[in-house]
């Protein structure tokens, strides 16, 4: 069963997450040949101050 974990900066709408979830499911089914019902997609919203790149918070950018 494919499990896809997506982390995003907070602020995306439920509609955009649904659109991405559908696209990820569709492509996973196409590439792996599995049933759509076997694909799980989970979204984590992350605050910019909790995400760092090169030691710097994205809130500071």
C-alpha atoms as a PDB file:
ATOM      1  CA  UNK A   1       0.000   0.000   0.000  1.00  0.00           C
ATOM      2  CA  UNK A   2       1.647   3.290  -1.055  1.00  0.00           C
ATOM      3  CA  UNK A   3       1.729   5.918   1.688  1.00  0.00           C
ATOM      4  CA  UNK A   4       2.624   9.452   0.595  1.00  0.00           C
ATOM      5  CA  UNK A   5       3.507  11.999   3.280  1.00  0.00           C
ATOM      6  CA  UNK A   6       3.484  15.633   2.117  1.00  0.00           C
ATOM      7  CA  UNK A   7       4.783  18.492   4.236  1.00  0.00           C
ATOM      8  CA  UNK A   8       3.830  22.010   3.170  1.00  0.00           C
ATOM      9  CA  UNK A   9       4.000  25.476   4.601  1.00  0.00           C
ATOM     10  CA  UNK A  10       0.634  26.182   6.175  1.00  0.00           C
ATOM     11  CA  UNK A  11      -1.890  28.212   4.245  1.00  0.00           C
ATOM     12  CA  UNK A  12      -2.881  25.946   1.345  1.00  0.00           C
ATOM     13  CA  UNK A  13      -6.623  25.623   0.920  1.00  0.00           C
ATOM     14  CA  UNK A  14      -8.405  22.299   1.379  1.00  0.00           C
ATOM     15  CA  UNK A  15      -9.281  22.490  -2.324  1.00  0.00           C
ATOM     16  CA  UNK A  16      -5.608  22.757  -3.348  1.00  0.00           C
ATOM     17  CA  UNK A  17      -4.688  19.861  -1.058  1.00  0.00           C
ATOM     18  CA  UNK A  18      -7.500  17.784  -2.569  1.00  0.00           C
ATOM     19  CA  UNK A  19      -6.256  18.614  -6.072  1.00  0.00           C
ATOM     20  CA  UNK A  20      -2.711  17.580  -5.162  1.00  0.00           C
ATOM     21  CA  UNK A  21      -3.938  14.447  -3.391  1.00  0.00           C
ATOM     22  CA  UNK A  22      -5.903  13.414  -6.471  1.00  0.00           C
ATOM     23  CA  UNK A  23      -2.919  14.031  -8.761  1.00  0.00           C
ATOM     24  CA  UNK A  24      -0.540  12.097  -6.501  1.00  0.00           C
ATOM     25  CA  UNK A  25      -2.992   9.209  -6.307  1.00  0.00           C
ATOM     26  CA  UNK A  26      -3.568   9.175 -10.065  1.00  0.00           C
ATOM     27  CA  UNK A  27       0.164   9.121 -10.845  1.00  0.00           C
ATOM     28  CA  UNK A  28       0.911   6.523  -8.188  1.00  0.00           C
ATOM     29  CA  UNK A  29      -1.744   4.258  -9.696  1.00  0.00           C
ATOM     30  CA  UNK A  30      -0.317   4.848 -13.180  1.00  0.00           C
ATOM     31  CA  UNK A  31       3.296   4.163 -12.230  1.00  0.00           C
ATOM     32  CA  UNK A  32       2.832   1.344  -9.723  1.00  0.00           C
ATOM     33  CA  UNK A  33      -0.272  -0.271 -11.189  1.00  0.00           C
ATOM     34  CA  UNK A  34      -2.052  -0.375  -7.835  1.00  0.00           C
ATOM     35  CA  UNK A  35      -5.678   0.376  -6.998  1.00  0.00           C
ATOM     36  CA  UNK A  36      -6.563   3.959  -6.033  1.00  0.00           C
ATOM     37  CA  UNK A  37      -8.062   2.602  -2.816  1.00  0.00           C
ATOM     38  CA  UNK A  38      -4.627   1.425  -1.734  1.00  0.00           C
ATOM     39  CA  UNK A  39      -3.013   4.884  -1.953  1.00  0.00           C
ATOM     40  CA  UNK A  40      -2.922   7.042   1.191  1.00  0.00           C
ATOM     41  CA  UNK A  41      -1.881  10.702   1.101  1.00  0.00           C
ATOM     42  CA  UNK A  42      -1.333  12.622   4.345  1.00  0.00           C
ATOM     43  CA  UNK A  43      -0.668  16.361   4.571  1.00  0.00           C
ATOM     44  CA  UNK A  44       1.223  18.089   7.381  1.00  0.00           C
ATOM     45  CA  UNK A  45       0.994  21.860   7.593  1.00  0.00           C
ATOM     46  CA  UNK A  46       4.209  23.362   8.935  1.00  0.00           C
ATOM     47  CA  UNK A  47       4.615  26.896  10.220  1.00  0.00           C
ATOM     48  CA  UNK A  48       7.397  28.804   8.454  1.00  0.00           C
ATOM     49  CA  UNK A  49       9.258  29.323  11.737  1.00  0.00           C
ATOM     50  CA  UNK A  50       9.351  25.529  12.214  1.00  0.00           C
ATOM     51  CA  UNK A  51      11.031  24.860   8.838  1.00  0.00           C
ATOM     52  CA  UNK A  52      14.719  25.584   8.446  1.00  0.00           C
ATOM     53  CA  UNK A  53      17.005  25.418   5.456  1.00  0.00           C
ATOM     54  CA  UNK A  54      20.754  25.971   5.851  1.00  0.00           C
ATOM     55  CA  UNK A  55      20.129  26.797   9.506  1.00  0.00           C
ATOM     56  CA  UNK A  56      17.742  29.646   8.749  1.00  0.00           C
ATOM     57  CA  UNK A  57      14.037  29.741   9.448  1.00  0.00           C
ATOM     58  CA  UNK A  58      11.798  30.351   6.464  1.00  0.00           C
ATOM     59  CA  UNK A  59       9.926  32.901   8.590  1.00  0.00           C
ATOM     60  CA  UNK A  60      13.056  35.049   8.518  1.00  0.00           C
ATOM     61  CA  UNK A  61      13.212  35.074   4.718  1.00  0.00           C
END
